[in-house]
Amino acid sequence: MPSRRARILIACAVVQSAAACSLITDYSLPGVGDRPPSEASADDAPAEKADDGSAPRDASAEVDAPACTENPCVVELAAAGQTTCARTNDGIVRCWGLNNTGATGGGTAGDYAVPTKVAFDGPVDEISLGDWGNDDATACARRGALVECWGQDGAGRKLGRGGAVSDGNFVPVPAPVSGAAAALSLAVSSDRVCARVGGDRLACWGKMYDKTIQPSAVTMTAPGPVTQIVGGRQHDCVLLESKEVACAGYTYSFKENWPDGGVGPGQTGFVRVAGVTGIVQIATMGNFVCALKAGGSVLCWGRNKQGQLGRGDVGKESTVPAPVALPRAAKAIGTGQSHACAVLEDDTVWCWGRNGGGSSKYDGTSIQRGQVGALANGGLDDFTSTARKIGGLPSGTVRAVVGGYAHSCALTASGAAYCWGSNAHGELGLGNVDGGVDGLAHPTATRVRF
C-alpha cells in the first residue's frame, strides 16, 4: 500500500478516563494478522513503517486539521466521568454533561444537555478532562504555554491554585495553575495534572504518587524526551520520543495504600514498559493502558475485570502488553474508565470492555449503557472482551475517539462530534437529560447538537 505523510492531531480522553490528551497519528497502515490474542504477542506486531526523514513533530502541534466543513468545527474532544468537552477551530471550548462542581463551565450546578461555552480570555490550544468513575471532573486547558483549570479541586488540589483552597467547592471559572507557565501539552488524571514543559521534564500538581499534596506545579523527570502524556486511576504514562512508553504509579490497583502495599507493579518515578516499542499513541483513563503501534496493532495491559484488554477473556489483570484482536489495522485509539475503542483504517470504530455503568435501583446490578455498542441482534450486555463495531457513524474519515465513565465520542474529518452510551446527565449532547440511574441506553452514535 502506498505510504502517506503522517497526520497528527491531539485528542483527549481518557483518550485521551481520568482522561488525557492523545496523539493521533494517521498513517496508511498495512494489515494486521488475524491470529487470535491467545496466539499473538507484542513481538508479533506488524513491522514499523520506515522513517520518512522529516523532522520530529511536536506532540502539542495540530497538523493537517479537519476539513472544517461543519460550523462550528470541532477539532478536539475530551471526556471523563459524565462530562464531555469540545474545542472548535476558533479556539472556543464548549462542555456538557454533569456539572456538580463546575466542570462544564456553566454558572450554576446541575446537568447541561447542550454544549456550553467556557469563559476564556483568548483562544484555547488544547483541552483535557480527568476524574475517577462517575465523579465530578477536573478540566484543564492550555492557551499557548499557560495552563488553566476549573471544576473539581478536592483535597488533592488538582486545580493547582497554590494557597487558594477550594476543597471541592463549585469552581466554574478557569484560572492559571501556579508554577506551570511553560506547558507544551497536558493530561489530567484522577489525582493529579501533568504538563510537558520540555524535553524529559514534566510539571505536575495534585496528589502525588507518595500521597503528598502539591497545590503548585513541581518538576518530574521522564527517562527520555516526552511527546505525549496520559493519566489514569493511580498512574500516569508518557510516550517517549524513542517511541517507547514509561509509566509511574500503579497500572491496575484500586487500593489507596500504594506505593507500599498496593496491588500490581508500581513506582513513584517513570519507568519504561518492557518490550513496548514503535508506539505512536497511548491512552489510559482507568486501571489499564493501551498503545498503538506504527504498524496498526493495539496493545493493552492492566486490569481486565470487564474485558477492557480486548483479549477474549475477563477477570485477570496482566502486566504484559498483548495485542487486541481487531479486524484490520488501527490508526487511533481512546479509552474510557473500563472500556476502549479504536478507529480502524477503514474509518470504522470498534470498542470493547464494560458496556454499563451505575446500579439498577441500587441493588448492585450494572445498568447496560451501550458505550461499546450493541450486540448483533440489537441487544445489550454488561461487557464484551472482543471488539465490536459501533453503528450510526457517518461514512468518511473518523479522526479520533475518546471515552468517559459510560459513554464514548468520535470526531470526524468534517469537524462533527458523535457520542453514544449513557446520557444520564446530558453527556451525549443530545439536548436532553435521561436522568437518574435508570436513564436510557444509546448504543448507536448520535451527532452532538451545538
Protein backbone atom coordinates (compact mmCIF):
# COMPACT_ATOMS: atom_id res chain seq x y z
CA MET A 1 0.00 0.00 0.00
CA PRO A 2 1.43 3.46 -0.85
CA SER A 3 2.51 5.50 2.15
CA ARG A 4 1.36 8.95 3.10
CA ARG A 5 2.81 11.54 5.42
CA ALA A 6 1.52 11.21 8.94
CA ARG A 7 -1.29 13.44 10.07
CA ILE A 8 -1.17 14.38 13.74
CA LEU A 9 -3.95 15.65 15.98
CA ILE A 10 -4.29 15.90 19.74
CA ALA A 11 -7.45 14.35 21.20
CA CYS A 12 -8.22 13.97 24.90
CA ALA A 13 -9.69 11.32 26.93
CA VAL A 14 -9.38 9.05 28.56
CA VAL A 15 -8.20 9.43 25.45
CA GLN A 16 -7.47 10.57 25.89
CA SER A 17 -10.62 8.38 31.63
CA ALA A 18 -9.08 10.22 34.39
CA ALA A 19 -8.73 11.48 30.89
CA ALA A 20 -5.68 12.52 28.97
CA CYS A 21 -4.65 14.04 25.72
CA SER A 22 -3.86 11.59 22.96
CA LEU A 23 -1.59 11.97 19.96
CA ILE A 24 -3.46 10.81 16.87
CA THR A 25 -1.15 9.77 14.02
CA ASP A 26 -2.99 8.79 10.83
CA TYR A 27 -0.92 6.51 8.59
CA SER A 28 -1.73 4.39 5.58
CA LEU A 29 -1.24 1.20 7.52
CA PRO A 30 -0.53 -2.36 6.42
CA GLY A 31 -2.93 -5.06 7.52
CA VAL A 32 -2.83 -6.77 10.90
CA GLY A 33 -2.60 -10.53 11.25
CA ASP A 34 -5.73 -12.46 12.05
CA ARG A 35 -4.35 -14.70 14.77
CA PRO A 36 -6.41 -14.75 17.98
CA PRO A 37 -4.96 -12.95 21.01
CA SER A 38 -4.06 -16.25 22.70
CA GLU A 39 -1.58 -16.92 19.89
CA ALA A 40 -0.27 -13.36 19.46
CA SER A 41 2.23 -11.31 21.41
CA ALA A 42 3.69 -7.82 21.40
CA ASP A 43 6.60 -9.16 19.32
CA ASP A 44 4.16 -10.24 16.58
CA ALA A 45 3.12 -6.67 15.77
CA PRO A 46 3.44 -5.63 12.10
CA ALA A 47 6.76 -4.16 11.05
CA GLU A 48 7.22 -0.46 11.66
CA LYS A 49 6.95 1.99 8.79
CA ALA A 50 10.21 3.45 7.52
CA ASP A 51 11.05 6.94 8.73
CA ASP A 52 10.39 9.48 6.00
CA GLY A 53 13.35 11.58 7.13
CA SER A 54 11.27 14.55 8.22
CA ALA A 55 12.00 16.44 11.43
CA PRO A 56 10.26 15.17 14.60
CA ARG A 57 6.89 16.78 15.18
CA ASP A 58 5.91 18.37 18.48
CA ALA A 59 3.15 16.32 20.13
CA SER A 60 1.32 19.54 21.05
CA ALA A 61 1.07 20.62 17.41
CA GLU A 62 -2.04 20.19 15.32
CA VAL A 63 -1.09 19.16 11.77
CA ASP A 64 -3.41 18.67 8.82
CA ALA A 65 -6.50 19.78 10.76
CA PRO A 66 -10.01 18.54 9.88
CA ALA A 67 -11.61 19.86 6.71
CA CYS A 68 -13.93 22.01 8.85
CA THR A 69 -17.00 21.86 6.65
CA GLU A 70 -19.09 21.98 9.84
CA ASN A 71 -20.00 25.12 11.76
CA PRO A 72 -18.89 25.07 14.50
CA CYS A 73 -15.98 22.85 13.51
CA VAL A 74 -14.75 20.56 16.32
CA VAL A 75 -11.00 19.85 16.24
CA GLU A 76 -10.62 18.18 19.65
CA LEU A 77 -12.77 16.15 22.04
CA ALA A 78 -12.25 15.31 25.72
CA ALA A 79 -14.32 13.19 28.09
CA ALA A 80 -14.18 12.00 31.69
CA GLY A 81 -16.79 10.70 34.08
CA GLN A 82 -20.12 12.02 32.85
CA THR A 83 -18.82 15.21 31.24
CA THR A 84 -17.69 15.95 27.68
CA CYS A 85 -15.88 18.95 26.16
CA ALA A 86 -15.08 20.06 22.62
CA ARG A 87 -12.63 22.61 21.23
CA THR A 88 -13.53 24.23 17.92
CA ASN A 89 -11.22 25.68 15.28
CA ASP A 90 -11.77 29.20 16.60
CA GLY A 91 -10.27 28.21 19.97
CA ILE A 92 -13.62 28.18 21.81
CA VAL A 93 -14.26 25.40 24.37
CA ARG A 94 -17.77 24.09 25.00
CA CYS A 95 -18.67 21.46 27.61
CA TRP A 96 -21.77 19.49 28.57
CA GLY A 97 -22.98 16.82 30.98
CA LEU A 98 -22.53 16.54 34.76
CA ASN A 99 -21.75 19.90 36.35
CA ASN A 100 -21.91 19.44 40.13
CA THR A 101 -18.60 21.26 40.62
CA GLY A 102 -18.44 23.43 37.51
CA ALA A 103 -16.64 21.19 35.01
CA THR A 104 -18.85 22.36 32.13
CA GLY A 105 -18.00 25.96 32.90
CA GLY A 106 -21.67 26.74 33.44
CA GLY A 107 -22.58 29.30 36.09
CA THR A 108 -24.92 27.04 38.03
CA ALA A 109 -24.65 23.47 39.31
CA GLY A 110 -26.61 20.74 37.58
CA ASP A 111 -26.77 18.92 34.27
CA TYR A 112 -26.05 20.61 30.94
CA ALA A 113 -27.65 18.82 27.99
CA VAL A 114 -26.23 21.10 25.31
CA PRO A 115 -22.64 22.36 24.78
CA THR A 116 -21.99 25.42 26.94
CA LYS A 117 -19.19 27.91 26.26
CA VAL A 118 -16.40 28.11 28.85
CA ALA A 119 -15.13 31.64 29.51
CA PHE A 120 -11.50 32.28 28.50
CA ASP A 121 -9.57 35.46 27.77
CA GLY A 122 -8.34 34.08 24.46
CA PRO A 123 -8.35 31.04 22.16
CA VAL A 124 -7.52 27.62 23.62
CA ASP A 125 -4.94 25.27 22.06
CA GLU A 126 -5.63 22.03 23.99
CA ILE A 127 -8.11 20.57 26.50
CA SER A 128 -8.08 17.65 28.93
CA LEU A 129 -10.56 16.16 31.42
CA GLY A 130 -10.00 13.73 34.27
CA ASP A 131 -11.72 12.12 37.25
CA TRP A 132 -12.43 8.69 38.65
CA GLY A 133 -15.57 6.67 37.99
CA ASN A 134 -18.67 8.80 37.69
CA ASP A 135 -17.32 11.53 39.95
CA ASP A 136 -17.14 15.21 39.12
CA ALA A 137 -14.49 16.04 36.55
CA THR A 138 -11.50 18.33 36.65
CA ALA A 139 -10.91 20.20 33.40
CA CYS A 140 -7.78 21.95 32.16
CA ALA A 141 -6.90 23.88 29.04
CA ARG A 142 -3.65 25.12 27.52
CA ARG A 143 -3.53 28.56 25.96
CA GLY A 144 -0.08 28.87 24.46
CA ALA A 145 2.25 27.95 27.33
CA LEU A 146 -0.32 28.80 30.04
CA VAL A 147 -2.41 26.10 31.78
CA GLU A 148 -5.79 26.98 33.30
CA CYS A 149 -8.02 24.58 35.25
CA TRP A 150 -11.59 24.54 36.58
CA GLY A 151 -14.17 22.14 38.05
CA GLN A 152 -13.31 19.62 40.78
CA ASP A 153 -10.42 20.53 43.08
CA GLY A 154 -10.99 18.43 46.18
CA ALA A 155 -8.46 17.54 48.87
CA GLY A 156 -5.95 16.66 46.15
CA ARG A 157 -5.85 20.30 44.97
CA LYS A 158 -5.88 19.39 41.25
CA LEU A 159 -6.72 22.94 40.19
CA GLY A 160 -3.16 23.92 41.06
CA ARG A 161 -4.02 27.25 42.64
CA GLY A 162 -1.37 27.20 45.36
CA GLY A 163 -2.70 28.70 48.59
CA ALA A 164 -6.22 29.14 47.20
CA VAL A 165 -8.01 26.12 48.72
CA SER A 166 -11.40 25.17 47.28
CA ASP A 167 -11.72 21.63 48.70
CA GLY A 168 -14.24 20.60 46.07
CA ASN A 169 -16.32 23.77 46.03
CA PHE A 170 -18.09 24.84 42.83
CA VAL A 171 -15.36 26.26 40.55
CA PRO A 172 -16.72 27.00 37.05
CA VAL A 173 -14.17 29.66 36.07
CA PRO A 174 -10.74 28.71 34.63
CA ALA A 175 -7.73 30.15 36.44
CA PRO A 176 -3.97 29.76 35.83
CA VAL A 177 -2.03 27.00 37.55
CA SER A 178 0.66 28.17 39.95
CA GLY A 179 4.13 27.32 38.64
CA ALA A 180 3.16 25.83 35.24
CA ALA A 181 3.70 28.64 32.77
CA ALA A 182 5.73 26.85 30.08
CA ALA A 183 3.45 23.97 29.06
CA LEU A 184 3.64 22.25 25.67
CA SER A 185 0.90 19.64 26.33
CA LEU A 186 -1.04 18.36 29.34
CA ALA A 187 -3.05 15.48 30.84
CA VAL A 188 -5.49 15.23 33.76
CA SER A 189 -5.67 12.01 35.77
CA SER A 190 -7.82 11.01 38.74
CA ASP A 191 -5.41 12.52 41.28
CA ARG A 192 -3.14 14.99 39.51
CA VAL A 193 -2.42 17.03 36.40
CA CYS A 194 0.86 16.93 34.49
CA ALA A 195 2.13 19.22 31.77
CA ARG A 196 5.04 18.61 29.45
CA VAL A 197 7.39 21.58 29.80
CA GLY A 198 10.21 20.50 27.50
CA GLY A 199 12.48 17.53 26.86
CA ASP A 200 12.13 14.96 29.61
CA ARG A 201 10.63 17.42 32.12
CA LEU A 202 7.05 17.41 33.41
CA ALA A 203 5.35 19.87 35.75
CA CYS A 204 2.77 18.07 37.95
CA TRP A 205 0.41 19.11 40.74
CA GLY A 206 -2.28 17.47 42.91
CA LYS A 207 -1.95 14.20 44.83
CA MET A 208 1.43 12.69 44.01
CA TYR A 209 2.48 9.03 43.91
CA ASP A 210 3.79 9.16 47.50
CA LYS A 211 0.40 10.67 48.54
CA THR A 212 1.82 14.13 49.26
CA ILE A 213 -0.29 17.08 48.10
CA GLN A 214 1.29 19.57 45.71
CA PRO A 215 -1.04 22.58 45.16
CA SER A 216 1.55 24.16 42.85
CA ALA A 217 3.46 22.56 39.99
CA VAL A 218 6.56 20.52 40.86
CA THR A 219 9.06 19.03 38.41
CA MET A 220 9.20 15.35 37.46
CA THR A 221 11.66 13.74 35.06
CA ALA A 222 10.92 11.05 32.46
CA PRO A 223 13.55 8.58 31.15
CA GLY A 224 13.79 10.47 27.85
CA PRO A 225 12.21 13.28 25.80
CA VAL A 226 8.41 13.14 26.03
CA THR A 227 5.94 13.57 23.16
CA GLN A 228 2.63 12.68 24.88
CA ILE A 229 1.22 12.38 28.42
CA VAL A 230 -1.83 10.40 29.58
CA GLY A 231 -3.31 9.95 33.06
CA GLY A 232 -5.22 7.06 34.65
CA ARG A 233 -6.59 5.94 38.01
CA GLN A 234 -3.37 5.79 40.04
CA HIS A 235 -0.80 6.21 37.30
CA ASP A 236 0.46 8.42 34.51
CA CYS A 237 2.22 7.28 31.35
CA VAL A 238 4.33 9.10 28.79
CA LEU A 239 5.17 8.36 25.18
CA LEU A 240 8.85 8.96 24.63
CA GLU A 241 10.49 10.38 21.54
CA SER A 242 12.09 6.94 21.16
CA LYS A 243 8.53 5.52 20.64
CA GLU A 244 8.76 3.71 23.97
CA VAL A 245 6.32 4.01 26.89
CA ALA A 246 7.14 4.82 30.52
CA CYS A 247 4.68 4.83 33.44
CA ALA A 248 4.65 5.95 37.07
CA GLY A 249 2.28 4.75 39.82
CA TYR A 250 0.10 1.64 39.67
CA THR A 251 -1.49 0.34 36.49
CA TYR A 252 -4.34 -1.72 37.95
CA SER A 253 -4.62 -1.09 41.70
CA PHE A 254 -7.75 0.21 43.39
CA LYS A 255 -6.05 0.38 46.78
CA GLU A 256 -5.01 3.64 48.41
CA ASN A 257 -2.07 2.21 50.38
CA TRP A 258 0.33 2.28 47.46
CA PRO A 259 3.26 2.50 46.89
CA ASP A 260 3.96 0.38 49.98
CA GLY A 261 1.40 -2.43 49.72
CA GLY A 262 -0.65 -1.77 46.61
CA VAL A 263 -1.65 -4.40 44.08
CA GLY A 264 0.31 -4.71 40.86
CA PRO A 265 3.50 -3.08 39.62
CA GLY A 266 4.12 0.45 40.75
CA GLN A 267 6.76 3.10 41.26
CA THR A 268 6.96 6.75 42.26
CA GLY A 269 9.02 7.62 39.18
CA PHE A 270 8.65 6.90 35.47
CA VAL A 271 9.96 3.50 34.33
CA ARG A 272 9.96 2.16 30.77
CA VAL A 273 7.42 -0.58 30.00
CA ALA A 274 9.44 -3.60 28.88
CA GLY A 275 9.07 -4.75 25.30
CA VAL A 276 6.83 -1.91 24.13
CA THR A 277 8.43 -0.18 21.14
CA GLY A 278 7.41 1.53 17.93
CA ILE A 279 4.47 3.29 19.63
CA VAL A 280 2.77 6.34 18.07
CA GLN A 281 -0.10 6.91 20.56
CA ILE A 282 -1.01 5.87 24.11
CA ALA A 283 -4.29 6.06 26.01
CA THR A 284 -5.46 5.42 29.57
CA MET A 285 -8.13 6.53 32.00
CA GLY A 286 -8.97 3.77 34.44
CA ASN A 287 -6.72 0.92 35.55
CA PHE A 288 -5.37 -0.18 32.19
CA VAL A 289 -3.25 1.24 29.35
CA CYS A 290 -3.42 0.83 25.58
CA ALA A 291 -0.78 1.70 22.99
CA LEU A 292 -0.97 2.00 19.20
CA LYS A 293 1.99 0.74 17.19
CA ALA A 294 3.06 2.37 13.93
CA GLY A 295 2.07 -0.83 12.12
CA GLY A 296 -1.55 -0.51 13.29
CA SER A 297 -1.73 -3.10 16.08
CA VAL A 298 -3.08 -2.12 19.51
CA LEU A 299 -1.50 -3.43 22.74
CA CYS A 300 -3.23 -3.23 26.14
CA TRP A 301 -2.23 -4.20 29.68
CA GLY A 302 -3.51 -3.73 33.25
CA ARG A 303 -6.89 -4.54 34.78
CA ASN A 304 -9.24 -6.82 32.81
CA LYS A 305 -12.31 -7.29 35.01
CA GLN A 306 -14.67 -6.15 32.22
CA GLY A 307 -12.63 -7.38 29.26
CA GLN A 308 -11.01 -4.00 28.68
CA LEU A 309 -7.80 -5.62 27.43
CA GLY A 310 -9.68 -6.94 24.40
CA ARG A 311 -8.13 -10.43 24.55
CA GLY A 312 -11.29 -12.52 24.59
CA ASP A 313 -11.19 -13.18 28.34
CA VAL A 314 -12.07 -11.34 31.55
CA GLY A 315 -11.13 -11.19 35.18
CA LYS A 316 -7.36 -11.50 35.24
CA GLU A 317 -5.11 -8.46 35.13
CA SER A 318 -1.93 -8.59 33.09
CA THR A 319 1.32 -6.65 33.25
CA VAL A 320 2.33 -7.98 29.82
CA PRO A 321 1.19 -5.86 26.85
CA ALA A 322 -0.50 -8.02 24.20
CA PRO A 323 -2.47 -7.28 21.01
CA VAL A 324 -6.19 -6.60 20.85
CA ALA A 325 -7.99 -8.73 18.25
CA LEU A 326 -9.15 -6.28 15.58
CA PRO A 327 -10.38 -7.00 12.02
CA ARG A 328 -7.81 -4.64 10.48
CA ALA A 329 -5.15 -2.07 11.34
CA ALA A 330 -5.97 0.83 13.66
CA LYS A 331 -4.98 4.47 13.23
CA ALA A 332 -6.22 5.97 16.53
CA ILE A 333 -7.25 4.75 19.99
CA GLY A 334 -9.11 6.07 23.03
CA THR A 335 -10.06 4.73 26.45
CA GLY A 336 -12.82 5.24 28.98
CA GLN A 337 -12.88 4.11 32.59
CA SER A 338 -13.27 0.40 31.78
CA HIS A 339 -13.62 0.33 28.00
CA ALA A 340 -11.55 1.17 24.96
CA CYS A 341 -12.12 1.98 21.30
CA ALA A 342 -10.06 2.06 18.13
CA VAL A 343 -10.51 3.88 14.83
CA LEU A 344 -9.57 1.44 12.08
CA GLU A 345 -8.01 2.29 8.71
CA ASP A 346 -11.43 1.94 7.05
CA ASP A 347 -12.74 4.70 9.38
CA THR A 348 -14.96 2.36 11.38
CA VAL A 349 -14.87 2.49 15.19
CA TRP A 350 -14.64 -0.70 17.25
CA CYS A 351 -14.95 -0.83 21.05
CA TRP A 352 -14.55 -3.41 23.82
CA GLY A 353 -14.78 -3.66 27.62
CA ARG A 354 -17.51 -2.59 30.01
CA ASN A 355 -20.87 -1.75 28.44
CA GLY A 356 -22.71 -0.49 31.51
CA GLY A 357 -22.49 1.89 34.43
CA GLY A 358 -24.16 2.65 37.73
CA SER A 359 -26.51 0.29 39.51
CA SER A 360 -30.15 -0.57 38.85
CA LYS A 361 -32.36 0.58 41.69
CA TYR A 362 -29.33 0.45 43.97
CA ASP A 363 -29.27 -3.37 44.04
CA GLY A 364 -25.75 -3.54 42.65
CA THR A 365 -26.77 -4.73 39.18
CA SER A 366 -24.97 -2.95 36.35
CA ILE A 367 -27.12 -0.89 34.01
CA GLN A 368 -26.37 -1.50 30.35
CA ARG A 369 -25.48 1.84 28.77
CA GLY A 370 -24.09 0.94 25.36
CA GLN A 371 -20.72 2.71 25.41
CA VAL A 372 -19.22 -0.21 23.46
CA GLY A 373 -22.29 -0.62 21.24
CA ALA A 374 -24.96 -3.26 20.81
CA LEU A 375 -24.98 -6.99 20.16
CA ALA A 376 -25.63 -8.24 16.62
CA ASN A 377 -29.32 -8.66 17.46
CA GLY A 378 -29.52 -5.12 18.86
CA GLY A 379 -29.50 -6.16 22.50
CA LEU A 380 -27.10 -5.01 25.20
CA ASP A 381 -24.72 -6.83 27.52
CA ASP A 382 -22.68 -5.87 30.58
CA PHE A 383 -19.32 -6.16 28.82
CA THR A 384 -17.50 -7.66 25.87
CA SER A 385 -13.91 -8.89 25.78
CA THR A 386 -13.80 -8.75 21.97
CA ALA A 387 -14.06 -5.66 19.80
CA ARG A 388 -17.49 -4.65 18.46
CA LYS A 389 -18.32 -2.24 15.62
CA ILE A 390 -20.17 0.96 16.54
CA GLY A 391 -23.20 1.86 14.43
CA GLY A 392 -24.52 5.29 13.49
CA LEU A 393 -21.27 6.97 12.48
CA PRO A 394 -21.28 8.69 9.08
CA SER A 395 -19.17 7.47 6.18
CA GLY A 396 -15.86 9.26 5.77
CA THR A 397 -12.84 9.78 7.94
CA VAL A 398 -13.12 9.39 11.72
CA ARG A 399 -10.09 11.06 13.25
CA ALA A 400 -10.29 10.43 16.99
CA VAL A 401 -12.25 8.61 19.68
CA VAL A 402 -12.49 9.29 23.44
CA GLY A 403 -14.32 7.72 26.37
CA GLY A 404 -15.76 8.60 29.77
CA TYR A 405 -17.35 6.62 32.58
CA ALA A 406 -20.15 5.13 30.47
CA HIS A 407 -20.05 7.00 27.17
CA SER A 408 -17.82 7.38 24.12
CA CYS A 409 -17.45 10.04 21.44
CA ALA A 410 -15.85 10.26 17.99
CA LEU A 411 -14.56 13.18 15.93
CA THR A 412 -14.99 13.21 12.15
CA ALA A 413 -12.82 14.82 9.47
CA SER A 414 -15.54 17.37 8.74
CA GLY A 415 -15.44 18.62 12.34
CA ALA A 416 -18.58 16.92 13.67
CA ALA A 417 -18.82 15.11 17.02
CA TYR A 418 -20.81 11.92 17.63
CA CYS A 419 -21.44 10.28 21.03
CA TRP A 420 -23.03 7.07 22.33
CA GLY A 421 -23.64 5.32 25.66
CA SER A 422 -25.13 6.86 28.80
CA ASN A 423 -26.98 10.18 28.72
CA ALA A 424 -27.94 10.21 32.39
CA HIS A 425 -26.55 13.74 32.81
CA GLY A 426 -26.64 15.01 29.22
CA GLU A 427 -23.09 13.86 28.41
CA LEU A 428 -24.07 12.85 24.86
CA GLY A 429 -25.01 16.43 23.96
CA LEU A 430 -28.40 15.45 22.53
CA GLY A 431 -30.32 18.35 24.05
CA ASN A 432 -31.93 16.31 26.81
CA VAL A 433 -31.04 14.51 30.05
CA ASP A 434 -32.29 10.95 30.54
CA GLY A 435 -31.87 11.38 34.29
CA GLY A 436 -31.20 9.06 37.19
CA VAL A 437 -29.61 5.63 37.33
CA ASP A 438 -32.32 4.20 35.09
CA GLY A 439 -31.64 6.53 32.16
CA LEU A 440 -31.90 5.14 28.64
CA ALA A 441 -29.01 3.48 26.82
CA HIS A 442 -27.82 4.88 23.49
CA PRO A 443 -25.61 2.22 21.86
CA THR A 444 -25.76 3.89 18.43
CA ALA A 445 -23.69 7.01 17.75
CA THR A 446 -25.69 10.24 17.52
CA ARG A 447 -24.47 13.66 16.47
CA VAL A 448 -23.86 16.24 19.19
CA ARG A 449 -26.15 19.27 18.91
CA PHE A 450 -24.23 22.56 19.01
